[in-house]
Amino acid sequence: MDFTRSELEMLYQYAAPMKEETLAGLKEIVPALERKDDLLIKMIVENTVRKLEKLAEPECSRFIAENRAAFIAERDKSICKRFAAAKVKESVLLGHDLTGTKRFMPEIRHMITVEILNNDSPVGLPGERYRFFLSDEGYKNARASESRGEVKIRSHAAVSAMTGEETRAFLLALSRLPGSRSSRKAGGGRWIA
């Protein structure tokens, strides 16, 4: 017996362990499908019922269970693919935190995000992405790493300096916050300033 994709989907939605329970569920929705917009769905349900009624009981229950298992496997495979694609698309950004103290140091003039391209990079592993707050010298070193093909600078922003008094006031306020991350370090590297 050949079922269309639409009939198999309908069977999956109303599948029950036994043939009679599945047929009862499908027959129950037919009267509700009287609107003009529902005629195609009504035809699909009626065709599914007719085809199921022609199948003998042990074979029918097995067919319903196999169809349900196939749709569940397809759904799970699709979910896993979407999660894997999302992980590849949105990798974690490592390095300096936006709320960290490094950002507010007087010598900091640049914020960059970089993608590590190979193992020769001074920081990280290939494929990882980092954010760094750098001095002019650190930025120059990062550009040199990019020219050597070690990293790719994905974005750059100029960072304005705070006065010494503004920096001290900010750091004092930051250190008083519960769960302050002011002591967190981003790791080493020759161009991190």
C-alpha atoms as a PDB file:
ATOM      1  CA  MET A   1       0.000   0.000   0.000  1.00  0.00           C
ATOM      2  CA  ASP A   2       1.475   3.369  -1.030  1.00  0.00           C
ATOM      3  CA  PHE A   3       0.920   6.322   1.270  1.00  0.00           C
ATOM      4  CA  THR A   4       1.689   9.882   0.197  1.00  0.00           C
ATOM      5  CA  ARG A   5       4.016  12.037   2.311  1.00  0.00           C
ATOM      6  CA  SER A   6       0.983  14.023   3.542  1.00  0.00           C
ATOM      7  CA  GLU A   7      -0.821  10.834   4.577  1.00  0.00           C
ATOM      8  CA  LEU A   8       2.254   9.590   6.416  1.00  0.00           C
ATOM      9  CA  GLU A   9       2.510  12.936   8.237  1.00  0.00           C
ATOM     10  CA  MET A  10      -1.165  12.698   9.215  1.00  0.00           C
ATOM     11  CA  LEU A  11      -0.648   9.132  10.405  1.00  0.00           C
ATOM     12  CA  TYR A  12       2.337  10.261  12.505  1.00  0.00           C
ATOM     13  CA  GLN A  13       0.305  13.048  14.138  1.00  0.00           C
ATOM     14  CA  TYR A  14      -2.542  10.738  15.128  1.00  0.00           C
ATOM     15  CA  ALA A  15      -0.617   7.510  15.679  1.00  0.00           C
ATOM     16  CA  ALA A  16      -1.747   5.321  18.557  1.00  0.00           C
ATOM     17  CA  PRO A  17      -0.376   1.901  19.577  1.00  0.00           C
ATOM     18  CA  MET A  18      -3.239  -0.018  17.932  1.00  0.00           C
ATOM     19  CA  LYS A  19      -4.978   0.260  14.553  1.00  0.00           C
ATOM     20  CA  GLU A  20      -8.448   0.892  16.003  1.00  0.00           C
ATOM     21  CA  GLU A  21      -7.233   3.720  18.268  1.00  0.00           C
ATOM     22  CA  THR A  22      -5.434   5.404  15.367  1.00  0.00           C
ATOM     23  CA  LEU A  23      -8.491   5.103  13.113  1.00  0.00           C
ATOM     24  CA  ALA A  24     -10.744   6.487  15.869  1.00  0.00           C
ATOM     25  CA  GLY A  25      -8.481   9.510  16.293  1.00  0.00           C
ATOM     26  CA  LEU A  26      -8.436  10.221  12.556  1.00  0.00           C
ATOM     27  CA  LYS A  27     -12.201   9.713  12.114  1.00  0.00           C
ATOM     28  CA  GLU A  28     -12.842  12.037  15.050  1.00  0.00           C
ATOM     29  CA  ILE A  29     -11.342  15.060  13.261  1.00  0.00           C
ATOM     30  CA  VAL A  30     -13.175  14.581   9.919  1.00  0.00           C
ATOM     31  CA  PRO A  31     -16.419  16.371  10.994  1.00  0.00           C
ATOM     32  CA  ALA A  32     -14.386  19.388  12.156  1.00  0.00           C
ATOM     33  CA  LEU A  33     -12.890  19.757   8.655  1.00  0.00           C
ATOM     34  CA  GLU A  34     -15.984  21.107   6.882  1.00  0.00           C
ATOM     35  CA  ARG A  35     -14.709  24.614   6.096  1.00  0.00           C
ATOM     36  CA  LYS A  36     -13.665  25.394   2.547  1.00  0.00           C
ATOM     37  CA  ASP A  37     -10.058  25.971   3.694  1.00  0.00           C
ATOM     38  CA  ASP A  38      -9.908  22.493   5.259  1.00  0.00           C
ATOM     39  CA  LEU A  39     -11.044  20.412   2.255  1.00  0.00           C
ATOM     40  CA  LEU A  40      -7.527  19.283   1.291  1.00  0.00           C
ATOM     41  CA  ILE A  41      -6.770  18.199   4.858  1.00  0.00           C
ATOM     42  CA  LYS A  42     -10.127  16.407   5.008  1.00  0.00           C
ATOM     43  CA  MET A  43      -9.277  14.477   1.815  1.00  0.00           C
ATOM     44  CA  ILE A  44      -5.860  13.514   3.212  1.00  0.00           C
ATOM     45  CA  VAL A  45      -7.433  12.248   6.455  1.00  0.00           C
ATOM     46  CA  GLU A  46     -10.140  10.287   4.607  1.00  0.00           C
ATOM     47  CA  ASN A  47      -7.568   8.689   2.255  1.00  0.00           C
ATOM     48  CA  THR A  48      -5.376   7.771   5.230  1.00  0.00           C
ATOM     49  CA  VAL A  49      -8.350   6.140   6.981  1.00  0.00           C
ATOM     50  CA  ARG A  50      -9.322   4.159   3.844  1.00  0.00           C
ATOM     51  CA  LYS A  51      -5.782   2.863   3.342  1.00  0.00           C
ATOM     52  CA  LEU A  52      -5.366   1.915   7.014  1.00  0.00           C
ATOM     53  CA  GLU A  53      -8.675   0.028   7.023  1.00  0.00           C
ATOM     54  CA  LYS A  54      -7.352  -2.174   4.189  1.00  0.00           C
ATOM     55  CA  LEU A  55      -4.319  -3.281   6.217  1.00  0.00           C
ATOM     56  CA  ALA A  56      -4.564  -6.347   8.479  1.00  0.00           C
ATOM     57  CA  GLU A  57      -4.115  -5.712  12.217  1.00  0.00           C
ATOM     58  CA  PRO A  58      -0.638  -7.019  13.041  1.00  0.00           C
ATOM     59  CA  GLU A  59       0.795  -5.500   9.866  1.00  0.00           C
ATOM     60  CA  CYS A  60      -1.071  -2.204  10.384  1.00  0.00           C
ATOM     61  CA  SER A  61       0.130  -1.702  13.967  1.00  0.00           C
ATOM     62  CA  ARG A  62       3.699  -2.457  12.913  1.00  0.00           C
ATOM     63  CA  PHE A  63       3.387  -0.012   9.983  1.00  0.00           C
ATOM     64  CA  ILE A  64       2.049   2.734  12.303  1.00  0.00           C
ATOM     65  CA  ALA A  65       4.906   2.146  14.787  1.00  0.00           C
ATOM     66  CA  GLU A  66       7.572   2.145  12.047  1.00  0.00           C
ATOM     67  CA  ASN A  67       6.142   5.336  10.521  1.00  0.00           C
ATOM     68  CA  ARG A  68       6.145   7.037  13.907  1.00  0.00           C
ATOM     69  CA  ALA A  69       9.725   5.935  14.593  1.00  0.00           C
ATOM     70  CA  ALA A  70      10.863   7.223  11.181  1.00  0.00           C
ATOM     71  CA  PHE A  71       9.327  10.654  11.788  1.00  0.00           C
ATOM     72  CA  ILE A  72      10.838  10.873  15.277  1.00  0.00           C
ATOM     73  CA  ALA A  73      14.278   9.921  13.915  1.00  0.00           C
ATOM     74  CA  GLU A  74      13.923  12.526  11.145  1.00  0.00           C
ATOM     75  CA  ARG A  75      12.896  15.182  13.669  1.00  0.00           C
ATOM     76  CA  ASP A  76      15.778  14.354  16.020  1.00  0.00           C
ATOM     77  CA  LYS A  77      18.269  14.349  13.142  1.00  0.00           C
ATOM     78  CA  SER A  78      16.995  17.752  12.025  1.00  0.00           C
ATOM     79  CA  ILE A  79      17.296  19.177  15.553  1.00  0.00           C
ATOM     80  CA  CYS A  80      20.869  17.861  15.869  1.00  0.00           C
ATOM     81  CA  LYS A  81      21.788  19.388  12.501  1.00  0.00           C
ATOM     82  CA  ARG A  82      20.365  22.762  13.518  1.00  0.00           C
ATOM     83  CA  PHE A  83      22.239  22.716  16.841  1.00  0.00           C
ATOM     84  CA  ALA A  84      25.496  21.795  15.107  1.00  0.00           C
ATOM     85  CA  ALA A  85      25.018  24.568  12.541  1.00  0.00           C
ATOM     86  CA  ALA A  86      24.260  27.084  15.290  1.00  0.00           C
ATOM     87  CA  LYS A  87      27.414  26.106  17.189  1.00  0.00           C
ATOM     88  CA  VAL A  88      29.550  26.562  14.094  1.00  0.00           C
ATOM     89  CA  LYS A  89      27.859  29.838  13.222  1.00  0.00           C
ATOM     90  CA  GLU A  90      28.036  31.403  16.693  1.00  0.00           C
ATOM     91  CA  SER A  91      31.290  30.415  18.334  1.00  0.00           C
ATOM     92  CA  VAL A  92      32.155  31.617  21.829  1.00  0.00           C
ATOM     93  CA  LEU A  93      34.004  34.925  22.127  1.00  0.00           C
ATOM     94  CA  LEU A  94      36.985  34.525  24.456  1.00  0.00           C
ATOM     95  CA  GLY A  95      39.459  37.094  25.761  1.00  0.00           C
ATOM     96  CA  HIS A  96      38.724  40.363  27.515  1.00  0.00           C
ATOM     97  CA  ASP A  97      35.288  40.908  29.026  1.00  0.00           C
ATOM     98  CA  LEU A  98      33.336  44.038  28.104  1.00  0.00           C
ATOM     99  CA  THR A  99      32.826  44.799  31.789  1.00  0.00           C
ATOM    100  CA  GLY A 100      36.398  44.014  32.805  1.00  0.00           C
ATOM    101  CA  THR A 101      38.888  46.560  34.108  1.00  0.00           C
ATOM    102  CA  LYS A 102      41.259  46.185  31.138  1.00  0.00           C
ATOM    103  CA  ARG A 103      38.896  48.263  28.999  1.00  0.00           C
ATOM    104  CA  PHE A 104      39.305  51.315  31.233  1.00  0.00           C
ATOM    105  CA  MET A 105      43.080  51.430  31.582  1.00  0.00           C
ATOM    106  CA  PRO A 106      44.503  54.796  30.442  1.00  0.00           C
ATOM    107  CA  GLU A 107      46.754  53.318  27.726  1.00  0.00           C
ATOM    108  CA  ILE A 108      43.951  51.344  26.017  1.00  0.00           C
ATOM    109  CA  ARG A 109      43.017  52.791  22.599  1.00  0.00           C
ATOM    110  CA  HIS A 110      41.702  49.831  20.590  1.00  0.00           C
ATOM    111  CA  MET A 111      39.153  47.030  20.905  1.00  0.00           C
ATOM    112  CA  ILE A 112      39.512  44.214  18.380  1.00  0.00           C
ATOM    113  CA  THR A 113      37.922  40.848  17.771  1.00  0.00           C
ATOM    114  CA  VAL A 114      40.144  38.303  16.076  1.00  0.00           C
ATOM    115  CA  GLU A 115      39.766  34.822  14.699  1.00  0.00           C
ATOM    116  CA  ILE A 116      42.728  32.521  15.218  1.00  0.00           C
ATOM    117  CA  LEU A 117      43.839  31.034  11.888  1.00  0.00           C
ATOM    118  CA  ASN A 118      46.724  28.709  12.788  1.00  0.00           C
ATOM    119  CA  ASN A 119      48.877  27.345  15.597  1.00  0.00           C
ATOM    120  CA  ASP A 120      51.544  30.031  15.088  1.00  0.00           C
ATOM    121  CA  SER A 121      49.221  32.607  16.660  1.00  0.00           C
ATOM    122  CA  PRO A 122      50.433  34.114  19.951  1.00  0.00           C
ATOM    123  CA  VAL A 123      47.034  33.355  21.519  1.00  0.00           C
ATOM    124  CA  GLY A 124      44.497  30.545  21.228  1.00  0.00           C
ATOM    125  CA  LEU A 125      43.802  27.702  18.862  1.00  0.00           C
ATOM    126  CA  PRO A 126      42.624  27.752  15.238  1.00  0.00           C
ATOM    127  CA  GLY A 127      38.925  28.591  14.941  1.00  0.00           C
ATOM    128  CA  GLU A 128      38.646  30.379  18.286  1.00  0.00           C
ATOM    129  CA  ARG A 129      37.537  34.011  18.453  1.00  0.00           C
ATOM    130  CA  TYR A 130      38.843  36.576  20.952  1.00  0.00           C
ATOM    131  CA  ARG A 131      38.107  40.148  22.029  1.00  0.00           C
ATOM    132  CA  PHE A 132      41.037  42.255  23.219  1.00  0.00           C
ATOM    133  CA  PHE A 133      41.470  45.793  24.535  1.00  0.00           C
ATOM    134  CA  LEU A 134      44.875  46.975  23.373  1.00  0.00           C
ATOM    135  CA  SER A 135      47.282  49.875  23.572  1.00  0.00           C
ATOM    136  CA  ASP A 136      48.666  51.378  20.362  1.00  0.00           C
ATOM    137  CA  GLU A 137      51.679  49.065  20.633  1.00  0.00           C
ATOM    138  CA  GLY A 138      49.484  46.000  21.218  1.00  0.00           C
ATOM    139  CA  TYR A 139      47.328  46.928  18.212  1.00  0.00           C
ATOM    140  CA  LYS A 140      50.439  47.288  16.043  1.00  0.00           C
ATOM    141  CA  ASN A 141      51.540  43.797  17.130  1.00  0.00           C
ATOM    142  CA  ALA A 142      48.064  42.395  16.367  1.00  0.00           C
ATOM    143  CA  ARG A 143      48.229  43.894  12.859  1.00  0.00           C
ATOM    144  CA  ALA A 144      51.657  42.289  12.404  1.00  0.00           C
ATOM    145  CA  SER A 145      50.176  38.901  13.440  1.00  0.00           C
ATOM    146  CA  GLU A 146      47.430  39.434  10.882  1.00  0.00           C
ATOM    147  CA  SER A 147      49.946  40.208   8.135  1.00  0.00           C
ATOM    148  CA  ARG A 148      51.783  36.966   8.991  1.00  0.00           C
ATOM    149  CA  GLY A 149      48.504  35.039   8.572  1.00  0.00           C
ATOM    150  CA  GLU A 150      48.255  33.996  12.226  1.00  0.00           C
ATOM    151  CA  VAL A 151      44.980  35.814  12.955  1.00  0.00           C
ATOM    152  CA  LYS A 152      42.221  37.648  11.104  1.00  0.00           C
ATOM    153  CA  ILE A 153      41.038  40.886  12.719  1.00  0.00           C
ATOM    154  CA  ARG A 154      37.249  40.703  12.355  1.00  0.00           C
ATOM    155  CA  SER A 155      36.436  44.084  13.883  1.00  0.00           C
ATOM    156  CA  HIS A 156      38.194  47.107  15.300  1.00  0.00           C
ATOM    157  CA  ALA A 157      36.910  50.015  17.372  1.00  0.00           C
ATOM    158  CA  ALA A 158      38.652  53.021  18.826  1.00  0.00           C
ATOM    159  CA  VAL A 159      38.422  53.239  22.610  1.00  0.00           C
ATOM    160  CA  SER A 160      38.514  56.626  24.293  1.00  0.00           C
ATOM    161  CA  ALA A 161      40.711  57.053  27.329  1.00  0.00           C
ATOM    162  CA  MET A 162      39.451  58.043  30.744  1.00  0.00           C
ATOM    163  CA  THR A 163      41.308  60.472  32.944  1.00  0.00           C
ATOM    164  CA  GLY A 164      43.209  59.030  35.876  1.00  0.00           C
ATOM    165  CA  GLU A 165      40.556  60.223  38.326  1.00  0.00           C
ATOM    166  CA  GLU A 166      37.704  58.764  36.210  1.00  0.00           C
ATOM    167  CA  THR A 167      39.553  55.452  35.991  1.00  0.00           C
ATOM    168  CA  ARG A 168      40.137  55.268  39.761  1.00  0.00           C
ATOM    169  CA  ALA A 169      36.484  56.125  40.483  1.00  0.00           C
ATOM    170  CA  PHE A 170      35.246  53.537  38.007  1.00  0.00           C
ATOM    171  CA  LEU A 171      37.548  50.777  39.285  1.00  0.00           C
ATOM    172  CA  LEU A 172      36.555  51.510  42.865  1.00  0.00           C
ATOM    173  CA  ALA A 173      32.852  51.304  41.961  1.00  0.00           C
ATOM    174  CA  LEU A 174      33.437  48.133  39.949  1.00  0.00           C
ATOM    175  CA  SER A 175      35.315  46.423  42.786  1.00  0.00           C
ATOM    176  CA  ARG A 176      32.352  47.032  45.121  1.00  0.00           C
ATOM    177  CA  LEU A 177      29.894  45.216  42.867  1.00  0.00           C
ATOM    178  CA  PRO A 178      28.893  41.720  44.013  1.00  0.00           C
ATOM    179  CA  GLY A 179      30.529  39.053  41.848  1.00  0.00           C
ATOM    180  CA  SER A 180      33.001  41.542  40.386  1.00  0.00           C
ATOM    181  CA  ARG A 181      35.174  40.099  37.622  1.00  0.00           C
ATOM    182  CA  SER A 182      37.906  42.694  37.983  1.00  0.00           C
ATOM    183  CA  SER A 183      40.490  40.059  38.875  1.00  0.00           C
ATOM    184  CA  ARG A 184      39.723  37.807  35.886  1.00  0.00           C
ATOM    185  CA  LYS A 185      42.533  37.393  33.366  1.00  0.00           C
ATOM    186  CA  ALA A 186      42.183  36.618  29.679  1.00  0.00           C
ATOM    187  CA  GLY A 187      45.402  34.697  29.188  1.00  0.00           C
ATOM    188  CA  GLY A 188      48.787  35.500  27.735  1.00  0.00           C
ATOM    189  CA  GLY A 189      50.150  36.510  24.375  1.00  0.00           C
ATOM    190  CA  ARG A 190      52.885  38.679  22.943  1.00  0.00           C
ATOM    191  CA  TRP A 191      50.594  41.415  21.628  1.00  0.00           C
ATOM    192  CA  ILE A 192      48.195  41.698  24.560  1.00  0.00           C
ATOM    193  CA  ALA A 193      48.810  44.988  26.307  1.00  0.00           C
END
